[in-house]
Amino acid sequence: MRFSINKTTFEASFFVVSVMSIVLILDASGKVAMCFLCAILHECGHIIAMRCFGVTPKSIKLRLFDIAIEADSSKTFLSDFIVTLSGPFMNLSLSLLFYFVYKPLCLINLVIGLFNLLPIDTFDGGHALSLLLLRKLSPSTTRVILKVLTFAFLVPLFLCGILVLFYSKYNYSLLLISLYLLAILFLK
């Protein structure tokens, strides 16, 4: 599925839309829908910051475990750094707001915001760290450091995912996310 609005192309595969639809239908609690909403608000934080710097996203791709936004690379270090951290900032700000209004949304936003700040290659924290390291180090050294840090954070997340699955008997989300991220790390 692909469509365009102004100069931005939106894309999602049939598989991703199908899986998300099935998960939403089967989720009687509504927590998955709240997670999707918070993830979309996270991405809106990036887009709002991009627009503040006069950057229009070229494409927005909905993938199984994330949303990828591609934009022009004609930004400065500062604007790129601010755009990178604006997604987690949006979640952490909403977490404060929802603390007084609706605690489940507070917690979901807090987890998404903090999770995205981890120095993992595909996360905002990894991208922000990469931007900082590239100011002093070569791209190849930066890639090595980021891969090592990503692996160092993903192994404990994977083990925690196994523990969560073992004790809950049904919650496999952390395990799947860490497996997905480990696969990306080794396929890059």
N, C-alpha and C. Protein backbone atom coordinates (compact mmCIF):
# COMPACT_ATOMS: atom_id res chain seq x y z
N MET A 1 0.86 -1.16 0.00
CA MET A 1 0.00 0.00 0.00
C MET A 1 0.90 1.23 0.00
N ARG A 2 0.68 2.11 -0.95
CA ARG A 2 1.50 3.32 -1.06
C ARG A 2 0.63 4.47 -1.55
N PHE A 3 0.80 5.63 -0.91
CA PHE A 3 0.12 6.83 -1.36
C PHE A 3 0.97 8.04 -0.98
N SER A 4 0.67 9.18 -1.60
CA SER A 4 1.43 10.40 -1.35
C SER A 4 0.52 11.53 -0.92
N ILE A 5 1.03 12.33 -0.01
CA ILE A 5 0.38 13.57 0.40
C ILE A 5 1.44 14.65 0.27
N ASN A 6 1.15 15.65 -0.53
CA ASN A 6 2.12 16.69 -0.88
C ASN A 6 3.38 16.02 -1.42
N LYS A 7 4.52 16.18 -0.77
CA LYS A 7 5.77 15.60 -1.26
C LYS A 7 6.20 14.38 -0.44
N THR A 8 5.32 13.89 0.42
CA THR A 8 5.66 12.77 1.29
C THR A 8 4.92 11.51 0.84
N THR A 9 5.69 10.42 0.68
CA THR A 9 5.13 9.12 0.31
C THR A 9 4.95 8.29 1.57
N PHE A 10 3.76 7.72 1.75
CA PHE A 10 3.46 6.84 2.87
C PHE A 10 3.41 5.41 2.32
N GLU A 11 4.07 4.49 3.07
CA GLU A 11 4.17 3.12 2.57
C GLU A 11 4.02 2.12 3.70
N ALA A 12 3.25 1.06 3.45
CA ALA A 12 3.10 -0.04 4.39
C ALA A 12 2.81 -1.29 3.57
N SER A 13 3.47 -2.39 3.92
CA SER A 13 3.23 -3.63 3.20
C SER A 13 1.91 -4.26 3.64
N PHE A 14 1.36 -5.09 2.80
CA PHE A 14 0.11 -5.79 3.13
C PHE A 14 0.31 -6.64 4.38
N PHE A 15 1.48 -7.28 4.50
CA PHE A 15 1.78 -8.12 5.65
C PHE A 15 1.73 -7.32 6.95
N VAL A 16 2.37 -6.16 6.98
CA VAL A 16 2.41 -5.34 8.19
C VAL A 16 1.01 -4.86 8.56
N VAL A 17 0.26 -4.39 7.57
CA VAL A 17 -1.10 -3.93 7.84
C VAL A 17 -1.97 -5.08 8.34
N SER A 18 -1.79 -6.26 7.76
CA SER A 18 -2.56 -7.44 8.19
C SER A 18 -2.23 -7.83 9.63
N VAL A 19 -0.93 -7.90 9.95
CA VAL A 19 -0.52 -8.28 11.30
C VAL A 19 -1.04 -7.26 12.32
N MET A 20 -0.89 -5.97 12.02
CA MET A 20 -1.37 -4.94 12.94
C MET A 20 -2.88 -5.01 13.12
N SER A 21 -3.60 -5.27 12.04
CA SER A 21 -5.06 -5.38 12.12
C SER A 21 -5.47 -6.56 12.99
N ILE A 22 -4.83 -7.70 12.79
CA ILE A 22 -5.15 -8.89 13.59
C ILE A 22 -4.85 -8.65 15.06
N VAL A 23 -3.70 -8.05 15.34
CA VAL A 23 -3.33 -7.78 16.73
C VAL A 23 -4.33 -6.82 17.38
N LEU A 24 -4.74 -5.79 16.64
CA LEU A 24 -5.72 -4.85 17.19
C LEU A 24 -7.08 -5.51 17.43
N ILE A 25 -7.47 -6.39 16.53
CA ILE A 25 -8.76 -7.08 16.68
C ILE A 25 -8.73 -8.02 17.90
N LEU A 26 -7.59 -8.70 18.08
CA LEU A 26 -7.49 -9.67 19.18
C LEU A 26 -7.21 -9.03 20.54
N ASP A 27 -6.83 -7.77 20.56
CA ASP A 27 -6.51 -7.09 21.81
C ASP A 27 -7.77 -6.54 22.47
N ALA A 28 -8.31 -7.31 23.38
CA ALA A 28 -9.54 -6.89 24.07
C ALA A 28 -9.29 -5.77 25.07
N SER A 29 -8.06 -5.64 25.56
CA SER A 29 -7.77 -4.64 26.59
C SER A 29 -7.61 -3.23 26.04
N GLY A 30 -7.28 -3.12 24.76
CA GLY A 30 -7.04 -1.80 24.17
C GLY A 30 -5.64 -1.28 24.38
N LYS A 31 -4.79 -2.06 25.06
CA LYS A 31 -3.42 -1.59 25.34
C LYS A 31 -2.56 -1.51 24.08
N VAL A 32 -2.78 -2.43 23.14
CA VAL A 32 -2.01 -2.39 21.90
C VAL A 32 -2.37 -1.14 21.11
N ALA A 33 -3.64 -0.79 21.07
CA ALA A 33 -4.07 0.43 20.38
C ALA A 33 -3.42 1.66 21.02
N MET A 34 -3.33 1.65 22.36
CA MET A 34 -2.67 2.77 23.05
C MET A 34 -1.19 2.82 22.69
N CYS A 35 -0.55 1.66 22.59
CA CYS A 35 0.87 1.60 22.20
C CYS A 35 1.05 2.15 20.79
N PHE A 36 0.17 1.76 19.85
CA PHE A 36 0.24 2.28 18.49
C PHE A 36 0.07 3.79 18.48
N LEU A 37 -0.90 4.28 19.26
CA LEU A 37 -1.13 5.72 19.34
C LEU A 37 0.11 6.45 19.85
N CYS A 38 0.73 5.93 20.91
CA CYS A 38 1.92 6.56 21.47
C CYS A 38 3.10 6.50 20.49
N ALA A 39 3.20 5.41 19.72
CA ALA A 39 4.25 5.31 18.71
C ALA A 39 4.04 6.33 17.59
N ILE A 40 2.79 6.52 17.21
CA ILE A 40 2.48 7.52 16.18
C ILE A 40 2.78 8.92 16.70
N LEU A 41 2.44 9.20 17.96
CA LEU A 41 2.76 10.51 18.55
C LEU A 41 4.27 10.72 18.63
N HIS A 42 5.02 9.66 18.89
CA HIS A 42 6.48 9.71 18.90
C HIS A 42 6.98 10.19 17.52
N GLU A 43 6.46 9.57 16.47
CA GLU A 43 6.88 9.94 15.12
C GLU A 43 6.42 11.35 14.77
N CYS A 44 5.26 11.76 15.28
CA CYS A 44 4.79 13.13 15.07
C CYS A 44 5.77 14.14 15.68
N GLY A 45 6.38 13.76 16.81
CA GLY A 45 7.40 14.62 17.41
C GLY A 45 8.56 14.86 16.45
N HIS A 46 9.01 13.80 15.78
CA HIS A 46 10.08 13.95 14.78
C HIS A 46 9.62 14.86 13.62
N ILE A 47 8.41 14.61 13.14
CA ILE A 47 7.91 15.35 11.97
C ILE A 47 7.72 16.83 12.31
N ILE A 48 7.20 17.12 13.50
CA ILE A 48 7.03 18.52 13.92
C ILE A 48 8.39 19.22 13.97
N ALA A 49 9.39 18.54 14.54
CA ALA A 49 10.73 19.14 14.60
C ALA A 49 11.30 19.34 13.20
N MET A 50 11.09 18.36 12.32
CA MET A 50 11.56 18.52 10.92
C MET A 50 10.94 19.75 10.28
N ARG A 51 9.62 19.88 10.45
CA ARG A 51 8.93 21.02 9.85
C ARG A 51 9.42 22.34 10.43
N CYS A 52 9.78 22.36 11.72
CA CYS A 52 10.34 23.57 12.34
C CYS A 52 11.65 23.98 11.68
N PHE A 53 12.40 23.00 11.18
CA PHE A 53 13.67 23.28 10.51
C PHE A 53 13.50 23.35 8.99
N GLY A 54 12.26 23.36 8.51
CA GLY A 54 11.99 23.49 7.08
C GLY A 54 12.26 22.24 6.27
N VAL A 55 12.26 21.09 6.91
CA VAL A 55 12.52 19.83 6.22
C VAL A 55 11.19 19.09 6.04
N THR A 56 10.96 18.61 4.82
CA THR A 56 9.77 17.81 4.53
C THR A 56 10.18 16.35 4.42
N PRO A 57 9.53 15.46 5.13
CA PRO A 57 9.86 14.04 4.99
C PRO A 57 9.61 13.56 3.56
N LYS A 58 10.55 12.79 3.01
CA LYS A 58 10.37 12.23 1.67
C LYS A 58 9.43 11.03 1.74
N SER A 59 9.66 10.17 2.74
CA SER A 59 8.81 8.99 2.87
C SER A 59 8.65 8.60 4.34
N ILE A 60 7.52 7.98 4.61
CA ILE A 60 7.23 7.42 5.93
C ILE A 60 6.81 5.98 5.68
N LYS A 61 7.62 5.05 6.21
CA LYS A 61 7.36 3.62 5.97
C LYS A 61 6.96 2.95 7.29
N LEU A 62 5.80 2.33 7.26
CA LEU A 62 5.32 1.57 8.41
C LEU A 62 5.87 0.16 8.29
N ARG A 63 6.71 -0.22 9.27
CA ARG A 63 7.30 -1.55 9.28
C ARG A 63 6.79 -2.30 10.50
N LEU A 64 7.16 -3.57 10.62
CA LEU A 64 6.58 -4.41 11.66
C LEU A 64 6.84 -3.87 13.07
N PHE A 65 8.06 -3.43 13.37
CA PHE A 65 8.38 -2.98 14.72
C PHE A 65 8.76 -1.51 14.80
N ASP A 66 8.66 -0.78 13.71
CA ASP A 66 9.01 0.64 13.76
C ASP A 66 8.41 1.38 12.58
N ILE A 67 8.62 2.67 12.59
CA ILE A 67 8.21 3.54 11.50
C ILE A 67 9.47 4.28 11.06
N ALA A 68 9.80 4.18 9.78
CA ALA A 68 11.01 4.82 9.25
C ALA A 68 10.63 6.10 8.51
N ILE A 69 11.27 7.19 8.89
CA ILE A 69 11.05 8.47 8.22
C ILE A 69 12.33 8.84 7.49
N GLU A 70 12.22 9.05 6.19
CA GLU A 70 13.37 9.50 5.39
C GLU A 70 13.15 10.95 5.00
N ALA A 71 14.23 11.73 5.11
CA ALA A 71 14.13 13.15 4.78
C ALA A 71 15.43 13.59 4.11
N ASP A 72 15.42 14.82 3.62
CA ASP A 72 16.63 15.39 3.03
C ASP A 72 17.74 15.42 4.06
N SER A 73 18.96 15.22 3.61
CA SER A 73 20.10 15.25 4.52
C SER A 73 20.75 16.63 4.56
N SER A 74 20.01 17.65 4.17
CA SER A 74 20.57 19.00 4.12
C SER A 74 20.44 19.73 5.45
N LYS A 75 20.47 18.97 6.55
CA LYS A 75 20.32 19.56 7.87
C LYS A 75 21.69 19.80 8.50
N THR A 76 21.72 20.65 9.49
CA THR A 76 22.93 20.86 10.27
C THR A 76 22.99 19.81 11.37
N PHE A 77 24.14 19.70 12.03
CA PHE A 77 24.27 18.77 13.14
C PHE A 77 23.21 19.05 14.20
N LEU A 78 23.07 20.31 14.58
CA LEU A 78 22.14 20.67 15.65
C LEU A 78 20.70 20.32 15.28
N SER A 79 20.29 20.65 14.04
CA SER A 79 18.92 20.34 13.65
C SER A 79 18.70 18.84 13.58
N ASP A 80 19.66 18.09 13.08
CA ASP A 80 19.54 16.63 13.02
C ASP A 80 19.46 16.05 14.44
N PHE A 81 20.27 16.57 15.35
CA PHE A 81 20.28 16.10 16.74
C PHE A 81 18.94 16.39 17.41
N ILE A 82 18.41 17.58 17.20
CA ILE A 82 17.12 17.96 17.80
C ILE A 82 15.99 17.11 17.22
N VAL A 83 15.99 16.92 15.90
CA VAL A 83 14.97 16.09 15.25
C VAL A 83 15.04 14.66 15.79
N THR A 84 16.24 14.14 15.96
CA THR A 84 16.42 12.78 16.47
C THR A 84 15.85 12.62 17.87
N LEU A 85 16.09 13.59 18.73
CA LEU A 85 15.63 13.48 20.12
C LEU A 85 14.20 13.96 20.35
N SER A 86 13.60 14.55 19.32
CA SER A 86 12.24 15.10 19.49
C SER A 86 11.17 14.02 19.66
N GLY A 87 11.38 12.82 19.10
CA GLY A 87 10.43 11.73 19.30
C GLY A 87 10.37 11.30 20.76
N PRO A 88 11.55 10.92 21.35
CA PRO A 88 11.52 10.58 22.78
C PRO A 88 11.06 11.75 23.66
N PHE A 89 11.44 12.98 23.28
CA PHE A 89 11.00 14.14 24.05
C PHE A 89 9.48 14.25 24.03
N MET A 90 8.87 13.97 22.88
CA MET A 90 7.40 14.00 22.77
C MET A 90 6.79 12.97 23.73
N ASN A 91 7.34 11.74 23.73
CA ASN A 91 6.81 10.70 24.62
C ASN A 91 6.99 11.06 26.09
N LEU A 92 8.16 11.58 26.45
CA LEU A 92 8.41 11.92 27.86
C LEU A 92 7.53 13.09 28.29
N SER A 93 7.31 14.04 27.39
CA SER A 93 6.41 15.16 27.71
C SER A 93 4.98 14.67 27.89
N LEU A 94 4.53 13.79 26.99
CA LEU A 94 3.18 13.24 27.11
C LEU A 94 3.05 12.38 28.36
N SER A 95 4.15 11.73 28.74
CA SER A 95 4.13 10.94 29.96
C SER A 95 3.83 11.82 31.16
N LEU A 96 4.45 12.98 31.22
CA LEU A 96 4.17 13.92 32.31
C LEU A 96 2.73 14.39 32.28
N LEU A 97 2.23 14.69 31.08
CA LEU A 97 0.86 15.16 30.95
C LEU A 97 -0.14 14.08 31.37
N PHE A 98 0.06 12.86 30.89
CA PHE A 98 -0.88 11.78 31.19
C PHE A 98 -0.74 11.25 32.61
N TYR A 99 0.32 11.61 33.30
CA TYR A 99 0.47 11.20 34.70
C TYR A 99 -0.73 11.68 35.52
N PHE A 100 -1.21 12.87 35.19
CA PHE A 100 -2.32 13.47 35.93
C PHE A 100 -3.67 13.12 35.33
N VAL A 101 -3.68 12.59 34.12
CA VAL A 101 -4.93 12.34 33.42
C VAL A 101 -5.27 10.86 33.33
N TYR A 102 -4.32 10.06 32.84
CA TYR A 102 -4.59 8.64 32.59
C TYR A 102 -3.28 7.87 32.69
N LYS A 103 -3.07 7.20 33.81
CA LYS A 103 -1.79 6.56 34.12
C LYS A 103 -1.31 5.52 33.09
N PRO A 104 -2.20 4.70 32.49
CA PRO A 104 -1.68 3.75 31.49
C PRO A 104 -0.97 4.44 30.31
N LEU A 105 -1.53 5.55 29.83
CA LEU A 105 -0.86 6.29 28.75
C LEU A 105 0.43 6.93 29.23
N CYS A 106 0.47 7.32 30.50
CA CYS A 106 1.70 7.85 31.09
C CYS A 106 2.79 6.79 31.02
N LEU A 107 2.48 5.58 31.45
CA LEU A 107 3.46 4.50 31.50
C LEU A 107 3.91 4.09 30.09
N ILE A 108 2.98 3.97 29.16
CA ILE A 108 3.33 3.58 27.79
C ILE A 108 4.25 4.63 27.17
N ASN A 109 3.92 5.90 27.32
CA ASN A 109 4.77 6.96 26.77
C ASN A 109 6.15 6.97 27.43
N LEU A 110 6.18 6.74 28.73
CA LEU A 110 7.46 6.70 29.44
C LEU A 110 8.34 5.56 28.91
N VAL A 111 7.75 4.39 28.75
CA VAL A 111 8.51 3.24 28.27
C VAL A 111 9.00 3.46 26.84
N ILE A 112 8.13 3.96 25.96
CA ILE A 112 8.54 4.21 24.57
C ILE A 112 9.63 5.26 24.51
N GLY A 113 9.47 6.34 25.28
CA GLY A 113 10.47 7.41 25.28
C GLY A 113 11.82 6.94 25.79
N LEU A 114 11.84 6.24 26.92
CA LEU A 114 13.11 5.76 27.48
C LEU A 114 13.72 4.65 26.63
N PHE A 115 12.88 3.76 26.12
CA PHE A 115 13.36 2.66 25.27
C PHE A 115 14.05 3.21 24.03
N ASN A 116 13.48 4.25 23.43
CA ASN A 116 14.06 4.85 22.24
C ASN A 116 15.35 5.61 22.51
N LEU A 117 15.61 5.95 23.76
CA LEU A 117 16.86 6.63 24.10
C LEU A 117 18.02 5.68 24.32
N LEU A 118 17.75 4.36 24.33
CA LEU A 118 18.85 3.39 24.47
C LEU A 118 19.81 3.53 23.29
N PRO A 119 21.11 3.35 23.53
CA PRO A 119 22.09 3.51 22.43
C PRO A 119 22.13 2.28 21.51
N ILE A 120 20.99 1.97 20.93
CA ILE A 120 20.86 0.85 20.00
C ILE A 120 20.80 1.44 18.60
N ASP A 121 21.50 0.80 17.68
CA ASP A 121 21.72 1.32 16.34
C ASP A 121 20.49 1.91 15.66
N THR A 122 19.37 1.23 15.66
CA THR A 122 18.19 1.71 14.93
C THR A 122 17.31 2.63 15.76
N PHE A 123 17.62 2.82 17.03
CA PHE A 123 16.83 3.68 17.90
C PHE A 123 17.33 5.13 17.83
N ASP A 124 16.51 6.03 18.35
CA ASP A 124 16.89 7.45 18.38
C ASP A 124 18.13 7.68 19.23
N GLY A 125 18.27 6.97 20.34
CA GLY A 125 19.46 7.10 21.18
C GLY A 125 20.72 6.68 20.44
N GLY A 126 20.62 5.63 19.64
CA GLY A 126 21.76 5.19 18.83
C GLY A 126 22.11 6.20 17.75
N HIS A 127 21.07 6.78 17.13
CA HIS A 127 21.33 7.80 16.10
C HIS A 127 21.94 9.05 16.72
N ALA A 128 21.44 9.47 17.88
CA ALA A 128 22.00 10.65 18.56
C ALA A 128 23.45 10.40 18.95
N LEU A 129 23.74 9.22 19.49
CA LEU A 129 25.12 8.87 19.85
C LEU A 129 26.01 8.85 18.62
N SER A 130 25.49 8.31 17.53
CA SER A 130 26.24 8.28 16.28
C SER A 130 26.58 9.70 15.81
N LEU A 131 25.62 10.60 15.89
CA LEU A 131 25.87 11.99 15.50
C LEU A 131 26.97 12.61 16.36
N LEU A 132 26.93 12.33 17.66
CA LEU A 132 27.96 12.88 18.56
C LEU A 132 29.33 12.26 18.26
N LEU A 133 29.38 10.95 18.07
CA LEU A 133 30.66 10.28 17.81
C LEU A 133 31.27 10.71 16.48
N LEU A 134 30.42 10.94 15.48
CA LEU A 134 30.93 11.34 14.16
C LEU A 134 31.61 12.71 14.18
N ARG A 135 31.35 13.49 15.20
CA ARG A 135 32.02 14.80 15.31
C ARG A 135 33.49 14.63 15.68
N LYS A 136 33.84 13.49 16.31
CA LYS A 136 35.23 13.27 16.76
C LYS A 136 35.89 12.05 16.12
N LEU A 137 35.09 11.10 15.66
CA LEU A 137 35.64 9.83 15.17
C LEU A 137 35.27 9.60 13.71
N SER A 138 35.96 8.66 13.10
CA SER A 138 35.67 8.32 11.70
C SER A 138 34.35 7.53 11.63
N PRO A 139 33.72 7.51 10.46
CA PRO A 139 32.48 6.74 10.31
C PRO A 139 32.67 5.25 10.62
N SER A 140 33.80 4.66 10.24
CA SER A 140 34.00 3.23 10.50
C SER A 140 34.16 2.96 12.00
N THR A 141 34.88 3.81 12.71
CA THR A 141 35.03 3.65 14.16
C THR A 141 33.69 3.85 14.85
N THR A 142 32.92 4.82 14.40
CA THR A 142 31.60 5.07 14.96
C THR A 142 30.69 3.86 14.78
N ARG A 143 30.72 3.26 13.58
CA ARG A 143 29.90 2.07 13.32
C ARG A 143 30.27 0.91 14.24
N VAL A 144 31.58 0.71 14.45
CA VAL A 144 32.03 -0.38 15.33
C VAL A 144 31.56 -0.13 16.76
N ILE A 145 31.76 1.07 17.25
CA ILE A 145 31.34 1.40 18.62
C ILE A 145 29.84 1.20 18.78
N LEU A 146 29.07 1.66 17.80
CA LEU A 146 27.62 1.53 17.88
C LEU A 146 27.18 0.07 17.81
N LYS A 147 27.83 -0.74 17.00
CA LYS A 147 27.49 -2.17 16.93
C LYS A 147 27.79 -2.87 18.26
N VAL A 148 28.93 -2.55 18.86
CA VAL A 148 29.28 -3.16 20.14
C VAL A 148 28.28 -2.75 21.22
N LEU A 149 27.96 -1.45 21.28
CA LEU A 149 26.98 -0.98 22.27
C LEU A 149 25.60 -1.59 22.02
N THR A 150 25.21 -1.67 20.77
CA THR A 150 23.92 -2.27 20.43
C THR A 150 23.87 -3.71 20.92
N PHE A 151 24.90 -4.48 20.64
CA PHE A 151 24.95 -5.87 21.08
C PHE A 151 24.93 -5.95 22.60
N ALA A 152 25.70 -5.06 23.26
CA ALA A 152 25.77 -5.05 24.72
C ALA A 152 24.41 -4.74 25.36
N PHE A 153 23.57 -3.98 24.69
CA PHE A 153 22.24 -3.68 25.23
C PHE A 153 21.20 -4.71 24.82
N LEU A 154 21.37 -5.30 23.63
CA LEU A 154 20.36 -6.24 23.15
C LEU A 154 20.42 -7.60 23.84
N VAL A 155 21.60 -8.05 24.21
CA VAL A 155 21.70 -9.35 24.89
C VAL A 155 20.92 -9.34 26.20
N PRO A 156 21.10 -8.33 27.08
CA PRO A 156 20.28 -8.31 28.30
C PRO A 156 18.78 -8.13 28.00
N LEU A 157 18.44 -7.36 26.96
CA LEU A 157 17.02 -7.22 26.60
C LEU A 157 16.45 -8.56 26.15
N PHE A 158 17.21 -9.31 25.38
CA PHE A 158 16.80 -10.63 24.93
C PHE A 158 16.58 -11.56 26.13
N LEU A 159 17.52 -11.54 27.07
CA LEU A 159 17.39 -12.38 28.27
C LEU A 159 16.19 -11.95 29.12
N CYS A 160 15.97 -10.65 29.23
CA CYS A 160 14.78 -10.16 29.95
C CYS A 160 13.51 -10.60 29.22
N GLY A 161 13.55 -10.60 27.88
CA GLY A 161 12.40 -11.05 27.11
C GLY A 161 12.08 -12.51 27.38
N ILE A 162 13.12 -13.34 27.54
CA ILE A 162 12.91 -14.76 27.88
C ILE A 162 12.29 -14.87 29.27
N LEU A 163 12.81 -14.10 30.23
CA LEU A 163 12.26 -14.13 31.59
C LEU A 163 10.81 -13.67 31.62
N VAL A 164 10.52 -12.60 30.91
CA VAL A 164 9.14 -12.08 30.88
C VAL A 164 8.21 -13.14 30.28
N LEU A 165 8.64 -13.77 29.20
CA LEU A 165 7.82 -14.82 28.59
C LEU A 165 7.65 -16.00 29.55
N PHE A 166 8.72 -16.39 30.22
CA PHE A 166 8.67 -17.52 31.14
C PHE A 166 7.69 -17.26 32.29
N TYR A 167 7.75 -16.06 32.87
CA TYR A 167 6.91 -15.77 34.02
C TYR A 167 5.48 -15.37 33.65
N SER A 168 5.30 -14.74 32.49
CA SER A 168 3.95 -14.32 32.11
C SER A 168 3.21 -15.39 31.32
N LYS A 169 3.95 -16.26 30.67
CA LYS A 169 3.40 -17.35 29.83
C LYS A 169 2.77 -16.86 28.53
N TYR A 170 2.71 -15.54 28.30
CA TYR A 170 2.08 -15.05 27.08
C TYR A 170 2.75 -13.80 26.50
N ASN A 171 3.47 -13.04 27.30
CA ASN A 171 4.03 -11.77 26.83
C ASN A 171 5.38 -12.00 26.16
N TYR A 172 5.39 -12.03 24.87
CA TYR A 172 6.59 -12.30 24.08
C TYR A 172 7.09 -11.07 23.34
N SER A 173 6.51 -9.90 23.60
CA SER A 173 6.83 -8.70 22.84
C SER A 173 8.30 -8.28 22.97
N LEU A 174 8.84 -8.25 24.18
CA LEU A 174 10.24 -7.86 24.37
C LEU A 174 11.18 -8.86 23.70
N LEU A 175 10.84 -10.12 23.76
CA LEU A 175 11.64 -11.16 23.12
C LEU A 175 11.64 -10.97 21.60
N LEU A 176 10.48 -10.72 21.01
CA LEU A 176 10.40 -10.52 19.56
C LEU A 176 11.14 -9.26 19.12
N ILE A 177 10.99 -8.20 19.88
CA ILE A 177 11.67 -6.94 19.52
C ILE A 177 13.18 -7.12 19.59
N SER A 178 13.67 -7.77 20.64
CA SER A 178 15.13 -7.95 20.75
C SER A 178 15.64 -8.90 19.67
N LEU A 179 14.89 -9.94 19.31
CA LEU A 179 15.29 -10.82 18.21
C LEU A 179 15.33 -10.07 16.88
N TYR A 180 14.32 -9.24 16.65
CA TYR A 180 14.26 -8.41 15.44
C TYR A 180 15.47 -7.48 15.36
N LEU A 181 15.79 -6.83 16.47
CA LEU A 181 16.92 -5.90 16.48
C LEU A 181 18.26 -6.63 16.35
N LEU A 182 18.38 -7.80 16.96
CA LEU A 182 19.60 -8.60 16.79
C LEU A 182 19.76 -9.03 15.34
N ALA A 183 18.67 -9.41 14.69
CA ALA A 183 18.72 -9.79 13.27
C ALA A 183 19.18 -8.61 12.41
N ILE A 184 18.64 -7.43 12.70
CA ILE A 184 19.05 -6.23 11.95
C ILE A 184 20.53 -5.96 12.17
N LEU A 185 21.00 -6.12 13.40
CA LEU A 185 22.41 -5.88 13.72
C LEU A 185 23.32 -6.79 12.90
N PHE A 186 22.96 -8.07 12.79
CA PHE A 186 23.82 -9.01 12.07
C PHE A 186 23.62 -8.95 10.56
N LEU A 187 22.50 -8.44 10.10
CA LEU A 187 22.27 -8.34 8.67
C LEU A 187 22.85 -7.07 8.06
N LYS A 188 23.15 -6.09 8.87
CA LYS A 188 23.70 -4.81 8.38
C LYS A 188 25.11 -4.96 7.93
